[in-house]
């Protein structure tokens, strides 16, 4: 039986308080016995977590109390065993490495190109 809920999600949103947010999220994840990785950067959040369903849903409910993450909608899958060995919450320079400081995903999208050619 697959009893472990695995989630993944990301959101580009300014996080000027990433170090303080790291402490909060690590505390929640540890208390709920989640395992996986949460990456925080000034540009947003990226997470991969796994645990029994109730713990994962509790974490997401807590995350939704922060207006910046109220609309985050994780992708879900199930597994029979815990896929992660430990819980990591890291503050990085970028959640998706581009090595180009002028690129700010939270500032909006580039103009779309019409499919008609």
PDB file of N, CA and C in Angstrom:
ATOM      1  N   UNK A   1       0.840  -1.188   0.000  1.00  0.00           N
ATOM      2  CA  UNK A   1       0.000   0.000   0.000  1.00  0.00           C
ATOM      3  C   UNK A   1       0.881   1.247   0.000  1.00  0.00           C
ATOM      4  N   UNK A   2       0.544   2.220  -0.811  1.00  0.00           N
ATOM      5  CA  UNK A   2       1.303   3.467  -0.879  1.00  0.00           C
ATOM      6  C   UNK A   2       0.774   4.441   0.165  1.00  0.00           C
ATOM      7  N   UNK A   3       1.516   4.593   1.256  1.00  0.00           N
ATOM      8  CA  UNK A   3       1.047   5.424   2.366  1.00  0.00           C
ATOM      9  C   UNK A   3       1.820   6.729   2.534  1.00  0.00           C
ATOM     10  N   UNK A   4       2.835   6.948   1.697  1.00  0.00           N
ATOM     11  CA  UNK A   4       3.643   8.168   1.794  1.00  0.00           C
ATOM     12  C   UNK A   4       3.223   9.137   0.690  1.00  0.00           C
ATOM     13  N   UNK A   5       2.809  10.330   1.097  1.00  0.00           N
ATOM     14  CA  UNK A   5       2.440  11.380   0.146  1.00  0.00           C
ATOM     15  C   UNK A   5       3.682  12.196  -0.184  1.00  0.00           C
ATOM     16  N   UNK A   6       3.994  12.282  -1.468  1.00  0.00           N
ATOM     17  CA  UNK A   6       5.131  13.062  -1.961  1.00  0.00           C
ATOM     18  C   UNK A   6       4.581  14.302  -2.649  1.00  0.00           C
ATOM     19  N   UNK A   7       5.136  15.452  -2.340  1.00  0.00           N
ATOM     20  CA  UNK A   7       4.693  16.677  -3.010  1.00  0.00           C
ATOM     21  C   UNK A   7       5.884  17.442  -3.559  1.00  0.00           C
ATOM     22  N   UNK A   8       5.617  18.191  -4.606  1.00  0.00           N
ATOM     23  CA  UNK A   8       6.604  19.123  -5.150  1.00  0.00           C
ATOM     24  C   UNK A   8       5.863  20.390  -5.542  1.00  0.00           C
ATOM     25  N   UNK A   9       6.526  21.515  -5.327  1.00  0.00           N
ATOM     26  CA  UNK A   9       5.914  22.800  -5.663  1.00  0.00           C
ATOM     27  C   UNK A   9       6.995  23.866  -5.744  1.00  0.00           C
ATOM     28  N   UNK A  10       6.682  24.933  -6.454  1.00  0.00           N
ATOM     29  CA  UNK A  10       7.550  26.107  -6.455  1.00  0.00           C
ATOM     30  C   UNK A  10       6.681  27.328  -6.680  1.00  0.00           C
ATOM     31  N   UNK A  11       7.220  28.451  -6.272  1.00  0.00           N
ATOM     32  CA  UNK A  11       6.536  29.716  -6.539  1.00  0.00           C
ATOM     33  C   UNK A  11       7.576  30.824  -6.567  1.00  0.00           C
ATOM     34  N   UNK A  12       7.506  31.621  -7.615  1.00  0.00           N
ATOM     35  CA  UNK A  12       8.348  32.807  -7.695  1.00  0.00           C
ATOM     36  C   UNK A  12       7.624  33.937  -6.988  1.00  0.00           C
ATOM     37  N   UNK A  13       8.177  34.361  -5.877  1.00  0.00           N
ATOM     38  CA  UNK A  13       7.613  35.436  -5.069  1.00  0.00           C
ATOM     39  C   UNK A  13       8.766  36.041  -4.266  1.00  0.00           C
ATOM     40  N   UNK A  14       8.833  37.357  -4.132  1.00  0.00           N
ATOM     41  CA  UNK A  14       9.932  37.948  -3.360  1.00  0.00           C
ATOM     42  C   UNK A  14       9.935  37.448  -1.913  1.00  0.00           C
ATOM     43  N   UNK A  15      11.106  36.995  -1.458  1.00  0.00           N
ATOM     44  CA  UNK A  15      11.272  36.519  -0.083  1.00  0.00           C
ATOM     45  C   UNK A  15      12.453  37.239   0.575  1.00  0.00           C
ATOM     46  N   UNK A  16      12.292  38.509   0.913  1.00  0.00           N
ATOM     47  CA  UNK A  16      13.398  39.231   1.545  1.00  0.00           C
ATOM     48  C   UNK A  16      13.735  38.684   2.932  1.00  0.00           C
ATOM     49  N   UNK A  17      12.824  37.903   3.511  1.00  0.00           N
ATOM     50  CA  UNK A  17      13.019  37.339   4.845  1.00  0.00           C
ATOM     51  C   UNK A  17      13.398  35.858   4.794  1.00  0.00           C
ATOM     52  N   UNK A  18      14.059  35.421   3.736  1.00  0.00           N
ATOM     53  CA  UNK A  18      14.365  33.999   3.547  1.00  0.00           C
ATOM     54  C   UNK A  18      15.061  33.357   4.753  1.00  0.00           C
ATOM     55  N   UNK A  19      16.066  33.985   5.386  1.00  0.00           N
ATOM     56  CA  UNK A  19      16.701  33.333   6.542  1.00  0.00           C
ATOM     57  C   UNK A  19      15.728  33.088   7.705  1.00  0.00           C
ATOM     58  N   UNK A  20      14.877  34.048   8.010  1.00  0.00           N
ATOM     59  CA  UNK A  20      13.900  33.862   9.090  1.00  0.00           C
ATOM     60  C   UNK A  20      12.852  32.830   8.681  1.00  0.00           C
ATOM     61  N   UNK A  21      12.448  32.849   7.426  1.00  0.00           N
ATOM     62  CA  UNK A  21      11.478  31.886   6.919  1.00  0.00           C
ATOM     63  C   UNK A  21      12.053  30.472   6.972  1.00  0.00           C
ATOM     64  N   UNK A  22      13.343  30.354   6.739  1.00  0.00           N
ATOM     65  CA  UNK A  22      14.013  29.058   6.828  1.00  0.00           C
ATOM     66  C   UNK A  22      13.805  28.442   8.203  1.00  0.00           C
ATOM     67  N   UNK A  23      14.011  29.237   9.241  1.00  0.00           N
ATOM     68  CA  UNK A  23      13.851  28.735  10.610  1.00  0.00           C
ATOM     69  C   UNK A  23      12.418  28.280  10.866  1.00  0.00           C
ATOM     70  N   UNK A  24      11.455  29.075  10.435  1.00  0.00           N
ATOM     71  CA  UNK A  24      10.049  28.744  10.639  1.00  0.00           C
ATOM     72  C   UNK A  24       9.681  27.439   9.927  1.00  0.00           C
ATOM     73  N   UNK A  25      10.022  27.342   8.636  1.00  0.00           N
ATOM     74  CA  UNK A  25       9.663  26.160   7.855  1.00  0.00           C
ATOM     75  C   UNK A  25      10.382  24.912   8.352  1.00  0.00           C
ATOM     76  N   UNK A  26      11.637  25.074   8.764  1.00  0.00           N
ATOM     77  CA  UNK A  26      12.377  23.927   9.298  1.00  0.00           C
ATOM     78  C   UNK A  26      11.721  23.435  10.584  1.00  0.00           C
ATOM     79  N   UNK A  27      11.287  24.357  11.420  1.00  0.00           N
ATOM     80  CA  UNK A  27      10.598  23.981  12.654  1.00  0.00           C
ATOM     81  C   UNK A  27       9.313  23.216  12.388  1.00  0.00           C
ATOM     82  N   UNK A  28       8.516  23.713  11.450  1.00  0.00           N
ATOM     83  CA  UNK A  28       7.267  23.021  11.095  1.00  0.00           C
ATOM     84  C   UNK A  28       7.565  21.626  10.546  1.00  0.00           C
ATOM     85  N   UNK A  29       8.493  21.551   9.595  1.00  0.00           N
ATOM     86  CA  UNK A  29       8.800  20.276   8.940  1.00  0.00           C
ATOM     87  C   UNK A  29       9.335  19.252   9.937  1.00  0.00           C
ATOM     88  N   UNK A  30      10.193  19.698  10.837  1.00  0.00           N
ATOM     89  CA  UNK A  30      10.754  18.795  11.837  1.00  0.00           C
ATOM     90  C   UNK A  30       9.671  18.301  12.791  1.00  0.00           C
ATOM     91  N   UNK A  31       8.822  19.208  13.247  1.00  0.00           N
ATOM     92  CA  UNK A  31       7.744  18.830  14.168  1.00  0.00           C
ATOM     93  C   UNK A  31       6.789  17.821  13.527  1.00  0.00           C
ATOM     94  N   UNK A  32       6.587  17.932  12.224  1.00  0.00           N
ATOM     95  CA  UNK A  32       5.675  17.035  11.506  1.00  0.00           C
ATOM     96  C   UNK A  32       6.376  15.790  10.962  1.00  0.00           C
ATOM     97  N   UNK A  33       7.679  15.681  11.200  1.00  0.00           N
ATOM     98  CA  UNK A  33       8.505  14.551  10.758  1.00  0.00           C
ATOM     99  C   UNK A  33       8.506  14.381   9.237  1.00  0.00           C
ATOM    100  N   UNK A  34       8.527  15.522   8.537  1.00  0.00           N
ATOM    101  CA  UNK A  34       8.639  15.496   7.082  1.00  0.00           C
ATOM    102  C   UNK A  34      10.087  15.254   6.704  1.00  0.00           C
ATOM    103  N   UNK A  35      10.277  14.736   5.499  1.00  0.00           N
ATOM    104  CA  UNK A  35      11.620  14.597   4.939  1.00  0.00           C
ATOM    105  C   UNK A  35      11.585  15.162   3.531  1.00  0.00           C
ATOM    106  N   UNK A  36      12.740  15.675   3.097  1.00  0.00           N
ATOM    107  CA  UNK A  36      12.834  16.240   1.763  1.00  0.00           C
ATOM    108  C   UNK A  36      13.674  17.494   1.767  1.00  0.00           C
ATOM    109  N   UNK A  37      13.408  18.383   0.819  1.00  0.00           N
ATOM    110  CA  UNK A  37      14.198  19.603   0.655  1.00  0.00           C
ATOM    111  C   UNK A  37      13.286  20.788   0.375  1.00  0.00           C
ATOM    112  N   UNK A  38      13.587  21.893   1.047  1.00  0.00           N
ATOM    113  CA  UNK A  38      12.946  23.173   0.753  1.00  0.00           C
ATOM    114  C   UNK A  38      14.070  24.141   0.427  1.00  0.00           C
ATOM    115  N   UNK A  39      14.011  24.750  -0.749  1.00  0.00           N
ATOM    116  CA  UNK A  39      14.977  25.769  -1.144  1.00  0.00           C
ATOM    117  C   UNK A  39      14.286  27.125  -1.118  1.00  0.00           C
ATOM    118  N   UNK A  40      14.936  28.079  -0.479  1.00  0.00           N
ATOM    119  CA  UNK A  40      14.433  29.453  -0.407  1.00  0.00           C
ATOM    120  C   UNK A  40      15.473  30.378  -1.014  1.00  0.00           C
ATOM    121  N   UNK A  41      15.013  31.404  -1.696  1.00  0.00           N
ATOM    122  CA  UNK A  41      15.904  32.426  -2.242  1.00  0.00           C
ATOM    123  C   UNK A  41      15.109  33.720  -2.304  1.00  0.00           C
ATOM    124  N   UNK A  42      15.780  34.793  -2.583  1.00  0.00           N
ATOM    125  CA  UNK A  42      15.099  36.068  -2.706  1.00  0.00           C
ATOM    126  C   UNK A  42      14.008  36.050  -3.759  1.00  0.00           C
ATOM    127  N   UNK A  43      14.089  35.083  -4.699  1.00  0.00           N
ATOM    128  CA  UNK A  43      13.126  34.991  -5.806  1.00  0.00           C
ATOM    129  C   UNK A  43      11.953  34.055  -5.540  1.00  0.00           C
ATOM    130  N   UNK A  44      12.030  33.221  -4.483  1.00  0.00           N
ATOM    131  CA  UNK A  44      10.908  32.325  -4.236  1.00  0.00           C
ATOM    132  C   UNK A  44      11.252  31.066  -3.478  1.00  0.00           C
ATOM    133  N   UNK A  45      10.385  30.059  -3.624  1.00  0.00           N
ATOM    134  CA  UNK A  45      10.473  28.798  -2.889  1.00  0.00           C
ATOM    135  C   UNK A  45      10.348  27.625  -3.851  1.00  0.00           C
ATOM    136  N   UNK A  46      11.059  26.540  -3.545  1.00  0.00           N
ATOM    137  CA  UNK A  46      10.997  25.294  -4.297  1.00  0.00           C
ATOM    138  C   UNK A  46      11.032  24.184  -3.255  1.00  0.00           C
ATOM    139  N   UNK A  47      10.077  23.263  -3.298  1.00  0.00           N
ATOM    140  CA  UNK A  47      10.064  22.230  -2.262  1.00  0.00           C
ATOM    141  C   UNK A  47       9.712  20.857  -2.802  1.00  0.00           C
ATOM    142  N   UNK A  48      10.304  19.853  -2.164  1.00  0.00           N
ATOM    143  CA  UNK A  48      10.043  18.437  -2.401  1.00  0.00           C
ATOM    144  C   UNK A  48       9.952  17.806  -1.026  1.00  0.00           C
ATOM    145  N   UNK A  49       8.772  17.312  -0.648  1.00  0.00           N
ATOM    146  CA  UNK A  49       8.556  16.776   0.691  1.00  0.00           C
ATOM    147  C   UNK A  49       7.818  15.450   0.626  1.00  0.00           C
ATOM    148  N   UNK A  50       8.015  14.632   1.675  1.00  0.00           N
ATOM    149  CA  UNK A  50       7.309  13.359   1.766  1.00  0.00           C
ATOM    150  C   UNK A  50       7.101  12.988   3.224  1.00  0.00           C
ATOM    151  N   UNK A  51       5.941  12.377   3.495  1.00  0.00           N
ATOM    152  CA  UNK A  51       5.577  11.904   4.832  1.00  0.00           C
ATOM    153  C   UNK A  51       4.185  11.286   4.730  1.00  0.00           C
ATOM    154  N   UNK A  52       3.680  10.721   5.823  1.00  0.00           N
ATOM    155  CA  UNK A  52       2.281  10.295   5.801  1.00  0.00           C
ATOM    156  C   UNK A  52       1.368  11.483   5.463  1.00  0.00           C
ATOM    157  N   UNK A  53       0.239  11.192   4.832  1.00  0.00           N
ATOM    158  CA  UNK A  53      -0.642  12.222   4.286  1.00  0.00           C
ATOM    159  C   UNK A  53      -1.001  13.329   5.269  1.00  0.00           C
ATOM    160  N   UNK A  54      -1.390  12.981   6.485  1.00  0.00           N
ATOM    161  CA  UNK A  54      -1.840  13.991   7.451  1.00  0.00           C
ATOM    162  C   UNK A  54      -0.750  15.021   7.728  1.00  0.00           C
ATOM    163  N   UNK A  55       0.491  14.572   7.849  1.00  0.00           N
ATOM    164  CA  UNK A  55       1.598  15.488   8.134  1.00  0.00           C
ATOM    165  C   UNK A  55       1.848  16.437   6.966  1.00  0.00           C
ATOM    166  N   UNK A  56       1.825  15.908   5.753  1.00  0.00           N
ATOM    167  CA  UNK A  56       2.062  16.743   4.568  1.00  0.00           C
ATOM    168  C   UNK A  56       0.945  17.772   4.416  1.00  0.00           C
ATOM    169  N   UNK A  57      -0.285  17.340   4.583  1.00  0.00           N
ATOM    170  CA  UNK A  57      -1.413  18.273   4.441  1.00  0.00           C
ATOM    171  C   UNK A  57      -1.388  19.343   5.535  1.00  0.00           C
ATOM    172  N   UNK A  58      -0.956  18.984   6.732  1.00  0.00           N
ATOM    173  CA  UNK A  58      -0.817  19.957   7.819  1.00  0.00           C
ATOM    174  C   UNK A  58       0.219  21.010   7.440  1.00  0.00           C
ATOM    175  N   UNK A  59       1.356  20.578   6.896  1.00  0.00           N
ATOM    176  CA  UNK A  59       2.406  21.517   6.496  1.00  0.00           C
ATOM    177  C   UNK A  59       1.888  22.484   5.437  1.00  0.00           C
ATOM    178  N   UNK A  60       1.198  21.966   4.421  1.00  0.00           N
ATOM    179  CA  UNK A  60       0.681  22.825   3.353  1.00  0.00           C
ATOM    180  C   UNK A  60      -0.352  23.796   3.904  1.00  0.00           C
ATOM    181  N   UNK A  61      -1.194  23.345   4.820  1.00  0.00           N
ATOM    182  CA  UNK A  61      -2.184  24.246   5.439  1.00  0.00           C
ATOM    183  C   UNK A  61      -1.477  25.381   6.171  1.00  0.00           C
ATOM    184  N   UNK A  62      -0.400  25.066   6.873  1.00  0.00           N
ATOM    185  CA  UNK A  62       0.378  26.109   7.559  1.00  0.00           C
ATOM    186  C   UNK A  62       1.010  27.055   6.542  1.00  0.00           C
ATOM    187  N   UNK A  63       1.561  26.501   5.472  1.00  0.00           N
ATOM    188  CA  UNK A  63       2.184  27.322   4.432  1.00  0.00           C
ATOM    189  C   UNK A  63       1.162  28.270   3.813  1.00  0.00           C
ATOM    190  N   UNK A  64      -0.054  27.808   3.626  1.00  0.00           N
ATOM    191  CA  UNK A  64      -1.113  28.635   3.032  1.00  0.00           C
ATOM    192  C   UNK A  64      -1.517  29.810   3.919  1.00  0.00           C
ATOM    193  N   UNK A  65      -1.157  29.799   5.206  1.00  0.00           N
ATOM    194  CA  UNK A  65      -1.488  30.935   6.074  1.00  0.00           C
ATOM    195  C   UNK A  65      -0.633  32.156   5.758  1.00  0.00           C
ATOM    196  N   UNK A  66       0.474  31.961   5.051  1.00  0.00           N
ATOM    197  CA  UNK A  66       1.312  33.077   4.602  1.00  0.00           C
ATOM    198  C   UNK A  66       0.739  33.544   3.263  1.00  0.00           C
ATOM    199  N   UNK A  67       0.297  34.803   3.164  1.00  0.00           N
ATOM    200  CA  UNK A  67      -0.321  35.282   1.912  1.00  0.00           C
ATOM    201  C   UNK A  67       0.532  35.051   0.669  1.00  0.00           C
ATOM    202  N   UNK A  68       1.838  35.014   0.817  1.00  0.00           N
ATOM    203  CA  UNK A  68       2.714  34.794  -0.336  1.00  0.00           C
ATOM    204  C   UNK A  68       2.556  33.391  -0.911  1.00  0.00           C
ATOM    205  N   UNK A  69       2.121  32.454  -0.072  1.00  0.00           N
ATOM    206  CA  UNK A  69       2.003  31.058  -0.501  1.00  0.00           C
ATOM    207  C   UNK A  69       0.562  30.559  -0.489  1.00  0.00           C
ATOM    208  N   UNK A  70      -0.397  31.461  -0.343  1.00  0.00           N
ATOM    209  CA  UNK A  70      -1.807  31.068  -0.219  1.00  0.00           C
ATOM    210  C   UNK A  70      -2.304  30.289  -1.432  1.00  0.00           C
ATOM    211  N   UNK A  71      -1.719  30.537  -2.601  1.00  0.00           N
ATOM    212  CA  UNK A  71      -2.191  29.867  -3.817  1.00  0.00           C
ATOM    213  C   UNK A  71      -1.247  28.781  -4.318  1.00  0.00           C
ATOM    214  N   UNK A  72      -0.252  28.417  -3.530  1.00  0.00           N
ATOM    215  CA  UNK A  72       0.676  27.372  -3.971  1.00  0.00           C
ATOM    216  C   UNK A  72      -0.082  26.043  -4.019  1.00  0.00           C
ATOM    217  N   UNK A  73       0.034  25.331  -5.124  1.00  0.00           N
ATOM    218  CA  UNK A  73      -0.707  24.083  -5.342  1.00  0.00           C
ATOM    219  C   UNK A  73       0.280  22.966  -5.689  1.00  0.00           C
ATOM    220  N   UNK A  74       0.715  22.208  -4.701  1.00  0.00           N
ATOM    221  CA  UNK A  74       1.708  21.160  -4.951  1.00  0.00           C
ATOM    222  C   UNK A  74       1.194  20.044  -5.859  1.00  0.00           C
ATOM    223  N   UNK A  75       2.108  19.474  -6.609  1.00  0.00           N
ATOM    224  CA  UNK A  75       1.836  18.251  -7.370  1.00  0.00           C
ATOM    225  C   UNK A  75       2.009  17.095  -6.391  1.00  0.00           C
ATOM    226  N   UNK A  76       1.176  16.077  -6.519  1.00  0.00           N
ATOM    227  CA  UNK A  76       1.196  14.964  -5.571  1.00  0.00           C
ATOM    228  C   UNK A  76       1.466  13.637  -6.262  1.00  0.00           C
ATOM    229  N   UNK A  77       2.162  12.752  -5.539  1.00  0.00           N
ATOM    230  CA  UNK A  77       2.316  11.357  -5.938  1.00  0.00           C
ATOM    231  C   UNK A  77       2.426  10.541  -4.650  1.00  0.00           C
ATOM    232  N   UNK A  78       2.315   9.249  -4.773  1.00  0.00           N
ATOM    233  CA  UNK A  78       2.323   8.365  -3.612  1.00  0.00           C
ATOM    234  C   UNK A  78       3.429   7.327  -3.753  1.00  0.00           C
ATOM    235  N   UNK A  79       3.976   6.899  -2.611  1.00  0.00           N
ATOM    236  CA  UNK A  79       4.978   5.840  -2.611  1.00  0.00           C
ATOM    237  C   UNK A  79       4.789   4.955  -1.383  1.00  0.00           C
ATOM    238  N   UNK A  80       5.331   3.759  -1.465  1.00  0.00           N
ATOM    239  CA  UNK A  80       5.228   2.811  -0.355  1.00  0.00           C
ATOM    240  C   UNK A  80       6.262   3.102   0.725  1.00  0.00           C
ATOM    241  N   UNK A  81       7.365   3.733   0.336  1.00  0.00           N
ATOM    242  CA  UNK A  81       8.436   4.026   1.294  1.00  0.00           C
ATOM    243  C   UNK A  81       8.835   5.496   1.204  1.00  0.00           C
ATOM    244  N   UNK A  82       9.478   5.964   2.252  1.00  0.00           N
ATOM    245  CA  UNK A  82       9.965   7.344   2.321  1.00  0.00           C
ATOM    246  C   UNK A  82      11.122   7.505   1.323  1.00  0.00           C
ATOM    247  N   UNK A  83      11.006   8.383   0.323  1.00  0.00           N
ATOM    248  CA  UNK A  83      12.067   8.530  -0.671  1.00  0.00           C
ATOM    249  C   UNK A  83      13.249   9.389  -0.210  1.00  0.00           C
ATOM    250  N   UNK A  84      13.099  10.128   0.874  1.00  0.00           N
ATOM    251  CA  UNK A  84      14.157  11.023   1.343  1.00  0.00           C
ATOM    252  C   UNK A  84      14.723  10.536   2.673  1.00  0.00           C
ATOM    253  N   UNK A  85      16.004  10.818   2.907  1.00  0.00           N
ATOM    254  CA  UNK A  85      16.662  10.382   4.142  1.00  0.00           C
ATOM    255  C   UNK A  85      16.608  11.417   5.251  1.00  0.00           C
ATOM    256  N   UNK A  86      16.513  12.703   4.876  1.00  0.00           N
ATOM    257  CA  UNK A  86      16.545  13.752   5.898  1.00  0.00           C
ATOM    258  C   UNK A  86      15.755  14.964   5.435  1.00  0.00           C
ATOM    259  N   UNK A  87      15.634  15.932   6.328  1.00  0.00           N
ATOM    260  CA  UNK A  87      14.927  17.181   6.030  1.00  0.00           C
ATOM    261  C   UNK A  87      15.947  18.295   5.921  1.00  0.00           C
ATOM    262  N   UNK A  88      15.964  18.974   4.771  1.00  0.00           N
ATOM    263  CA  UNK A  88      16.862  20.104   4.548  1.00  0.00           C
ATOM    264  C   UNK A  88      16.045  21.333   4.169  1.00  0.00           C
ATOM    265  N   UNK A  89      16.364  22.451   4.783  1.00  0.00           N
ATOM    266  CA  UNK A  89      15.785  23.735   4.386  1.00  0.00           C
ATOM    267  C   UNK A  89      16.973  24.661   4.180  1.00  0.00           C
ATOM    268  N   UNK A  90      17.197  25.064   2.939  1.00  0.00           N
ATOM    269  CA  UNK A  90      18.382  25.858   2.599  1.00  0.00           C
ATOM    270  C   UNK A  90      17.999  27.202   2.002  1.00  0.00           C
ATOM    271  N   UNK A  91      18.800  28.207   2.322  1.00  0.00           N
ATOM    272  CA  UNK A  91      18.685  29.513   1.671  1.00  0.00           C
ATOM    273  C   UNK A  91      19.774  29.551   0.605  1.00  0.00           C
ATOM    274  N   UNK A  92      19.362  29.751  -0.635  1.00  0.00           N
ATOM    275  CA  UNK A  92      20.286  29.771  -1.769  1.00  0.00           C
ATOM    276  C   UNK A  92      20.227  31.138  -2.452  1.00  0.00           C
ATOM    277  N   UNK A  93      21.157  31.371  -3.359  1.00  0.00           N
ATOM    278  CA  UNK A  93      21.131  32.606  -4.145  1.00  0.00           C
ATOM    279  C   UNK A  93      19.976  32.601  -5.139  1.00  0.00           C
ATOM    280  N   UNK A  94      19.668  31.419  -5.699  1.00  0.00           N
ATOM    281  CA  UNK A  94      18.588  31.269  -6.677  1.00  0.00           C
ATOM    282  C   UNK A  94      17.933  29.908  -6.455  1.00  0.00           C
ATOM    283  N   UNK A  95      16.612  29.819  -6.640  1.00  0.00           N
ATOM    284  CA  UNK A  95      15.984  28.501  -6.526  1.00  0.00           C
ATOM    285  C   UNK A  95      16.170  27.707  -7.815  1.00  0.00           C
ATOM    286  N   UNK A  96      16.257  28.404  -8.932  1.00  0.00           N
ATOM    287  CA  UNK A  96      16.587  27.782 -10.209  1.00  0.00           C
ATOM    288  C   UNK A  96      17.804  28.524 -10.739  1.00  0.00           C
ATOM    289  N   UNK A  97      18.928  27.851 -10.774  1.00  0.00           N
ATOM    290  CA  UNK A  97      20.185  28.505 -11.097  1.00  0.00           C
ATOM    291  C   UNK A  97      20.230  28.982 -12.550  1.00  0.00           C
ATOM    292  N   UNK A  98      20.450  30.295 -12.684  1.00  0.00           N
ATOM    293  CA  UNK A  98      20.583  30.889 -14.011  1.00  0.00           C
ATOM    294  C   UNK A  98      21.863  31.713 -14.116  1.00  0.00           C
ATOM    295  N   UNK A  99      22.455  32.052 -12.978  1.00  0.00           N
ATOM    296  CA  UNK A  99      23.675  32.866 -12.945  1.00  0.00           C
ATOM    297  C   UNK A  99      23.532  34.168 -13.725  1.00  0.00           C
ATOM    298  N   UNK A 100      22.345  34.753 -13.687  1.00  0.00           N
ATOM    299  CA  UNK A 100      22.121  36.009 -14.389  1.00  0.00           C
ATOM    300  C   UNK A 100      21.244  36.886 -13.508  1.00  0.00           C
ATOM    301  N   UNK A 101      21.854  37.795 -12.717  1.00  0.00           N
ATOM    302  CA  UNK A 101      21.093  38.575 -11.744  1.00  0.00           C
ATOM    303  C   UNK A 101      19.997  39.458 -12.331  1.00  0.00           C
ATOM    304  N   UNK A 102      20.058  39.771 -13.618  1.00  0.00           N
ATOM    305  CA  UNK A 102      19.031  40.625 -14.219  1.00  0.00           C
ATOM    306  C   UNK A 102      17.714  39.872 -14.423  1.00  0.00           C
ATOM    307  N   UNK A 103      17.769  38.543 -14.435  1.00  0.00           N
ATOM    308  CA  UNK A 103      16.552  37.744 -14.610  1.00  0.00           C
ATOM    309  C   UNK A 103      15.849  37.646 -13.265  1.00  0.00           C
ATOM    310  N   UNK A 104      14.635  38.176 -13.200  1.00  0.00           N
ATOM    311  CA  UNK A 104      13.820  38.170 -11.983  1.00  0.00           C
ATOM    312  C   UNK A 104      12.464  37.547 -12.301  1.00  0.00           C
ATOM    313  N   UNK A 105      12.315  36.224 -12.140  1.00  0.00           N
ATOM    314  CA  UNK A 105      11.056  35.566 -12.503  1.00  0.00           C
ATOM    315  C   UNK A 105       9.828  36.148 -11.810  1.00  0.00           C
ATOM    316  N   UNK A 106       9.986  36.657 -10.605  1.00  0.00           N
ATOM    317  CA  UNK A 106       8.824  37.197  -9.893  1.00  0.00           C
ATOM    318  C   UNK A 106       8.344  38.518 -10.486  1.00  0.00           C
ATOM    319  N   UNK A 107       9.129  39.112 -11.379  1.00  0.00           N
ATOM    320  CA  UNK A 107       8.751  40.389 -11.995  1.00  0.00           C
ATOM    321  C   UNK A 107       7.748  40.229 -13.132  1.00  0.00           C
ATOM    322  N   UNK A 108       7.515  39.005 -13.568  1.00  0.00           N
ATOM    323  CA  UNK A 108       6.554  38.780 -14.644  1.00  0.00           C
ATOM    324  C   UNK A 108       7.160  37.991 -15.782  1.00  0.00           C
ATOM    325  N   UNK A 109       6.314  37.644 -16.727  1.00  0.00           N
ATOM    326  CA  UNK A 109       6.732  36.850 -17.873  1.00  0.00           C
ATOM    327  C   UNK A 109       7.186  37.738 -19.020  1.00  0.00           C
ATOM    328  N   UNK A 110       7.938  37.139 -19.897  1.00  0.00           N
ATOM    329  CA  UNK A 110       8.303  37.805 -21.143  1.00  0.00           C
ATOM    330  C   UNK A 110       7.064  37.837 -22.033  1.00  0.00           C
ATOM    331  N   UNK A 111       7.023  38.736 -23.009  1.00  0.00           N
ATOM    332  CA  UNK A 111       5.863  38.777 -23.911  1.00  0.00           C
ATOM    333  C   UNK A 111       5.692  37.445 -24.637  1.00  0.00           C
ATOM    334  N   UNK A 112       4.457  37.030 -24.812  1.00  0.00           N
ATOM    335  CA  UNK A 112       4.163  35.783 -25.520  1.00  0.00           C
ATOM    336  C   UNK A 112       4.195  36.026 -27.024  1.00  0.00           C
ATOM    337  N   UNK A 113       4.545  34.991 -27.761  1.00  0.00           N
ATOM    338  CA  UNK A 113       4.568  35.057 -29.218  1.00  0.00           C
ATOM    339  C   UNK A 113       3.327  34.337 -29.727  1.00  0.00           C
ATOM    340  N   UNK A 114       2.610  34.955 -30.642  1.00  0.00           N
ATOM    341  CA  UNK A 114       1.412  34.360 -31.219  1.00  0.00           C
ATOM    342  C   UNK A 114       1.789  33.089 -31.976  1.00  0.00           C
ATOM    343  N   UNK A 115       1.020  32.030 -31.796  1.00  0.00           N
ATOM    344  CA  UNK A 115       1.303  30.753 -32.443  1.00  0.00           C
ATOM    345  C   UNK A 115       1.076  30.796 -33.951  1.00  0.00           C
ATOM    346  N   UNK A 116       0.290  31.732 -34.422  1.00  0.00           N
ATOM    347  CA  UNK A 116       0.023  31.851 -35.855  1.00  0.00           C
ATOM    348  C   UNK A 116       1.268  32.412 -36.530  1.00  0.00           C
ATOM    349  N   UNK A 117       1.761  31.709 -37.561  1.00  0.00           N
ATOM    350  CA  UNK A 117       2.964  32.191 -38.265  1.00  0.00           C
ATOM    351  C   UNK A 117       2.674  32.477 -39.713  1.00  0.00           C
TER     352      UNK A 117
END
